[in-house]
Amino acid sequence: MAKPLSKAHRTDQPKESAHPPGSEAVDDYLKAIFQLSGRPERQVSSTEIAAHLSITAASVTNMLQKLAGQNPPLVAYEKHHGVKLSKAGKKRALEIVRHHRLIETFLHEILDYPWDEVHQEAERLEHFISERFEERIAAKLGHPEFDPHGHAIPALDGSLPAQEPQALSQLRPGQSAKVSSVSDNDPEMLRYLAAQGIRPGVKLTLSEQLPFQGAYQVRIGSSTKPALLSHSLAEAITVSKPQQ
C-alpha cells in the first residue's frame, strides 16, 4: 500500500497567498500617509492618521512602530514628531494609489458606475489586482493621467504630473479658475456637486464669500446665476491657478 503523502509533499495544500495577512491594513496606512503628507511632502501626525482612518491614536502608534521596524522600513517615525514614508513605503503607496484610481476610472468609463459609487468599490479591489491586470486596465483606458474626480494617476514608475492646485476657499472675490479635482470621500457630496454641474474642468468664479467662514457664492461655467457652497465644500474642491 502506498504511503500517504506527508503534509510537506501534498499537492492539495493551499498555496501561500500573494497578499500576506494584514497587508490590507498596511496598504491603508501607507496610502493615508501619502495623501495627508501632500506635495511637497511633510511630516504627518498620528492624530491626523487616526482621524483619516477613523481609528484610535493608540492603534496608529502601534502600527507606525511596526511599519518602521520592517526590513526595509516603510516609514520614518519618531514618536511625537510625526511620520514620513520611506523610499520603500512611498513606492508601495504609489502602487496602491495607482490601482485605486485606475479601478475608479475603469468602473466609471467602462462599466458606467456613477462617480459617487466608484470610490468604495475601488477601496475593496485595490489590494488584490495583479500587475498584469492593472496594465490591462490602463491599456484599455488609454493610459489615463487622471481619475473621474480629477486626481492624478501615478505612472508605472511612480511619477505624477506636475500640479499646483489650491482649494477653492483660497480664491479671492472676482477670481476665476478651473476645477482640478474634488474629494471622493463623501458620496452625498459628489451627488450634490454633480447636480450643480461642478466637475473637473469646469470654470468657477468666486463672486463673494460671507464672513466668518460663511458660504461661498460662485458662478459655474458661463451661468450668471450664483450658487452657494459651504466652507467644507469649498475646501473639498481644488482649482487650477486663478484667472483674473
Protein backbone atom coordinates (compact mmCIF):
# COMPACT_ATOMS: atom_id res chain seq x y z
CA MET A 1 0.00 0.00 0.00
CA ALA A 2 1.34 3.37 -0.95
CA LYS A 3 2.20 5.58 1.98
CA PRO A 4 0.15 8.77 2.30
CA LEU A 5 1.96 11.87 1.23
CA SER A 6 3.38 13.92 4.07
CA LYS A 7 1.95 17.39 4.58
CA ALA A 8 5.08 18.86 3.01
CA HIS A 9 4.55 16.89 -0.21
CA ARG A 10 0.80 17.07 -0.67
CA THR A 11 -0.24 18.86 -3.82
CA ASP A 12 -3.68 19.77 -2.49
CA GLN A 13 -2.37 22.17 0.15
CA PRO A 14 -3.47 25.78 -0.37
CA LYS A 15 -0.83 27.92 -1.98
CA GLU A 16 0.63 30.78 0.02
CA SER A 17 -1.32 33.93 -0.66
CA ALA A 18 0.33 36.58 -2.78
CA HIS A 19 -1.34 39.05 -0.42
CA PRO A 20 0.00 38.34 3.11
CA PRO A 21 -2.41 38.62 6.07
CA GLY A 22 -2.60 42.14 7.41
CA SER A 23 -1.19 43.74 4.28
CA GLU A 24 -4.51 45.46 3.51
CA ALA A 25 -4.13 47.43 6.74
CA VAL A 26 -0.52 48.24 5.83
CA ASP A 27 -1.62 49.50 2.42
CA ASP A 28 -4.32 51.65 4.02
CA TYR A 29 -1.80 53.27 6.36
CA LEU A 30 0.74 53.93 3.62
CA LYS A 31 -1.93 55.41 1.36
CA ALA A 32 -3.26 57.59 4.19
CA ILE A 33 0.22 58.95 4.95
CA PHE A 34 0.81 59.63 1.26
CA GLN A 35 -2.47 61.51 0.88
CA LEU A 36 -2.05 63.52 4.09
CA SER A 37 1.59 64.44 3.51
CA GLY A 38 0.76 66.47 0.39
CA ARG A 39 3.18 67.83 -2.19
CA PRO A 40 5.86 68.75 -1.20
CA GLU A 41 5.77 66.10 1.50
CA ARG A 42 5.54 66.99 5.18
CA GLN A 43 5.52 65.09 8.45
CA VAL A 44 2.10 63.64 9.27
CA SER A 45 0.91 63.34 12.87
CA SER A 46 -0.65 60.25 14.43
CA THR A 47 -3.74 62.32 15.20
CA GLU A 48 -4.24 63.14 11.51
CA ILE A 49 -3.90 59.48 10.53
CA ALA A 50 -6.32 58.40 13.28
CA ALA A 51 -8.94 60.91 12.08
CA HIS A 52 -8.41 59.94 8.42
CA LEU A 53 -8.82 56.20 9.09
CA SER A 54 -11.41 56.62 11.89
CA ILE A 55 -9.36 54.64 14.42
CA THR A 56 -7.74 55.35 17.79
CA ALA A 57 -4.44 57.17 18.15
CA ALA A 58 -3.06 54.21 20.16
CA SER A 59 -3.71 51.86 17.23
CA VAL A 60 -1.92 54.28 14.89
CA THR A 61 1.14 54.43 17.16
CA ASN A 62 1.36 50.63 17.29
CA MET A 63 1.11 50.29 13.51
CA LEU A 64 3.64 53.04 12.82
CA GLN A 65 6.14 51.30 15.08
CA LYS A 66 5.60 48.08 13.12
CA LEU A 67 5.98 49.84 9.77
CA ALA A 68 9.20 51.49 10.95
CA GLY A 69 10.52 48.09 12.07
CA GLN A 70 10.04 46.40 8.67
CA ASN A 71 13.05 45.42 6.58
CA PRO A 72 13.32 47.69 4.68
CA PRO A 73 11.45 50.23 6.84
CA LEU A 74 8.23 51.51 5.27
CA VAL A 75 8.16 54.75 7.26
CA ALA A 76 10.49 57.06 9.15
CA TYR A 77 8.76 57.50 12.50
CA GLU A 78 9.67 59.26 15.72
CA LYS A 79 7.08 59.45 18.47
CA HIS A 80 5.61 62.95 18.96
CA HIS A 81 7.38 64.15 15.80
CA GLY A 82 5.18 62.59 13.11
CA VAL A 83 5.90 60.20 10.27
CA LYS A 84 7.03 60.25 6.64
CA LEU A 85 7.13 57.48 4.07
CA SER A 86 10.46 55.83 3.36
CA LYS A 87 11.50 55.12 -0.21
CA ALA A 88 10.05 51.60 0.02
CA GLY A 89 6.88 52.86 1.70
CA LYS A 90 6.32 55.55 -0.90
CA LYS A 91 6.80 53.06 -3.72
CA ARG A 92 4.12 50.78 -2.27
CA ALA A 93 1.80 53.72 -1.55
CA LEU A 94 2.05 54.91 -5.14
CA GLU A 95 1.32 51.38 -6.39
CA ILE A 96 -1.86 51.15 -4.33
CA VAL A 97 -2.94 54.69 -5.29
CA ARG A 98 -2.40 53.77 -8.96
CA HIS A 99 -4.53 50.64 -8.52
CA HIS A 100 -7.27 52.61 -6.79
CA ARG A 101 -7.52 55.40 -9.34
CA LEU A 102 -7.29 53.09 -12.35
CA ILE A 103 -10.09 50.95 -10.92
CA GLU A 104 -12.22 54.04 -10.30
CA THR A 105 -11.69 55.16 -13.90
CA PHE A 106 -12.45 51.68 -15.28
CA LEU A 107 -15.65 51.41 -13.27
CA HIS A 108 -16.78 54.88 -14.35
CA GLU A 109 -15.82 54.83 -18.04
CA ILE A 110 -16.25 51.15 -18.96
CA LEU A 111 -18.89 49.87 -16.52
CA ASP A 112 -20.84 53.16 -16.28
CA TYR A 113 -20.67 53.45 -12.49
CA PRO A 114 -21.66 56.96 -11.32
CA TRP A 115 -18.70 58.87 -9.87
CA ASP A 116 -20.16 58.76 -6.36
CA GLU A 117 -20.03 54.93 -6.26
CA VAL A 118 -16.56 54.13 -7.60
CA HIS A 119 -14.51 55.06 -4.50
CA GLN A 120 -15.90 52.38 -2.19
CA GLU A 121 -15.63 49.68 -4.88
CA ALA A 122 -12.01 50.67 -5.56
CA GLU A 123 -11.25 50.59 -1.83
CA ARG A 124 -12.22 46.92 -1.81
CA LEU A 125 -10.43 45.91 -5.01
CA GLU A 126 -7.21 47.95 -4.90
CA HIS A 127 -5.33 45.44 -2.72
CA PHE A 128 -5.95 42.39 -4.87
CA ILE A 129 -5.41 43.09 -8.57
CA SER A 130 -2.24 41.73 -10.18
CA GLU A 131 0.25 43.91 -12.01
CA ARG A 132 -0.80 42.23 -15.28
CA PHE A 133 -4.45 43.04 -14.65
CA GLU A 134 -3.51 46.62 -13.73
CA GLU A 135 -1.65 47.04 -17.03
CA ARG A 136 -4.60 45.62 -19.00
CA ILE A 137 -6.92 48.14 -17.34
CA ALA A 138 -4.52 51.00 -18.10
CA ALA A 139 -4.18 49.93 -21.75
CA LYS A 140 -7.96 49.56 -22.14
CA LEU A 141 -8.43 53.11 -20.84
CA GLY A 142 -5.63 54.55 -22.99
CA HIS A 143 -3.28 55.12 -20.04
CA PRO A 144 -5.24 57.96 -18.39
CA GLU A 145 -3.50 60.57 -16.23
CA PHE A 146 -6.49 61.44 -14.05
CA ASP A 147 -9.38 59.58 -12.40
CA PRO A 148 -13.06 60.68 -12.56
CA HIS A 149 -12.59 63.03 -9.60
CA GLY A 150 -9.56 64.74 -11.17
CA HIS A 151 -6.89 63.07 -9.02
CA ALA A 152 -3.61 62.26 -10.79
CA ILE A 153 -2.94 58.58 -11.52
CA PRO A 154 0.70 57.67 -10.77
CA ALA A 155 2.59 56.34 -13.79
CA LEU A 156 4.21 52.89 -13.69
CA ASP A 157 7.45 54.47 -12.48
CA GLY A 158 5.60 56.27 -9.67
CA SER A 159 5.84 59.72 -11.23
CA LEU A 160 2.95 62.17 -11.05
CA PRO A 161 2.13 65.07 -13.37
CA ALA A 162 3.22 68.44 -12.03
CA GLN A 163 0.29 70.27 -10.46
CA GLU A 164 -0.13 73.35 -8.32
CA PRO A 165 -3.79 73.17 -7.33
CA GLN A 166 -5.27 75.12 -4.45
CA ALA A 167 -8.54 74.90 -2.57
CA LEU A 168 -11.46 76.90 -3.93
CA SER A 169 -11.62 78.52 -0.50
CA GLN A 170 -8.32 80.28 -1.26
CA LEU A 171 -9.73 82.24 -4.19
CA ARG A 172 -10.42 85.93 -3.76
CA PRO A 173 -13.71 87.51 -4.90
CA GLY A 174 -13.60 88.14 -8.65
CA GLN A 175 -11.10 85.39 -9.38
CA SER A 176 -11.91 82.52 -11.76
CA ALA A 177 -10.28 79.09 -12.03
CA LYS A 178 -10.98 75.64 -13.43
CA VAL A 179 -11.82 72.76 -11.11
CA SER A 180 -8.83 70.42 -10.85
CA SER A 181 -10.27 67.79 -8.51
CA VAL A 182 -12.91 67.12 -5.90
CA SER A 183 -12.70 64.97 -2.79
CA ASP A 184 -14.07 61.47 -3.33
CA ASN A 185 -14.64 60.59 0.34
CA ASP A 186 -18.32 61.56 0.55
CA PRO A 187 -20.77 60.10 -2.00
CA GLU A 188 -23.54 62.51 -0.96
CA MET A 189 -21.24 65.48 -1.59
CA LEU A 190 -20.33 64.12 -5.03
CA ARG A 191 -24.00 63.76 -5.93
CA TYR A 192 -24.60 67.36 -4.83
CA LEU A 193 -21.66 68.67 -6.88
CA ALA A 194 -22.82 66.71 -9.94
CA ALA A 195 -26.31 68.21 -9.58
CA GLN A 196 -24.70 71.68 -9.51
CA GLY A 197 -22.64 70.90 -12.61
CA ILE A 198 -19.32 71.06 -10.74
CA ARG A 199 -16.76 68.61 -12.15
CA PRO A 200 -13.07 68.67 -13.09
CA GLY A 201 -12.53 71.09 -15.98
CA VAL A 202 -15.49 73.33 -15.13
CA LYS A 203 -14.77 77.04 -14.65
CA LEU A 204 -15.81 78.60 -11.33
CA THR A 205 -15.83 82.30 -10.49
CA LEU A 206 -15.95 83.38 -6.87
CA SER A 207 -18.38 86.27 -6.51
CA GLU A 208 -18.41 86.65 -2.75
CA GLN A 209 -17.59 84.88 0.49
CA LEU A 210 -19.67 85.57 3.56
CA PRO A 211 -17.63 86.41 6.68
CA PHE A 212 -16.61 84.02 9.48
CA GLN A 213 -16.12 81.03 7.15
CA GLY A 214 -19.56 81.55 5.69
CA ALA A 215 -20.90 80.36 2.35
CA TYR A 216 -19.10 80.97 -0.94
CA GLN A 217 -21.14 82.49 -3.74
CA VAL A 218 -19.84 81.18 -7.08
CA ARG A 219 -20.82 81.26 -10.75
CA ILE A 220 -20.49 77.91 -12.51
CA GLY A 221 -19.27 77.94 -16.11
CA SER A 222 -20.98 80.64 -18.16
CA SER A 223 -24.01 80.78 -15.87
CA THR A 224 -24.85 84.16 -14.38
CA LYS A 225 -26.94 82.60 -11.63
CA PRO A 226 -24.89 82.29 -8.43
CA ALA A 227 -24.68 79.10 -6.41
CA LEU A 228 -23.86 78.82 -2.71
CA LEU A 229 -21.19 76.42 -1.44
CA SER A 230 -20.43 75.78 2.22
CA HIS A 231 -16.92 76.24 3.59
CA SER A 232 -16.39 72.47 3.79
CA LEU A 233 -17.39 72.13 0.12
CA ALA A 234 -15.04 74.94 -0.88
CA GLU A 235 -12.24 73.13 0.97
CA ALA A 236 -13.04 69.86 -0.83
CA ILE A 237 -12.71 71.40 -4.32
CA THR A 238 -9.23 72.15 -5.73
CA VAL A 239 -8.79 74.55 -8.60
CA SER A 240 -6.01 75.47 -11.02
CA LYS A 241 -4.09 78.73 -10.96
CA PRO A 242 -6.66 81.54 -10.71
CA GLN A 243 -7.54 83.65 -13.75
CA GLN A 244 -8.04 87.36 -13.17
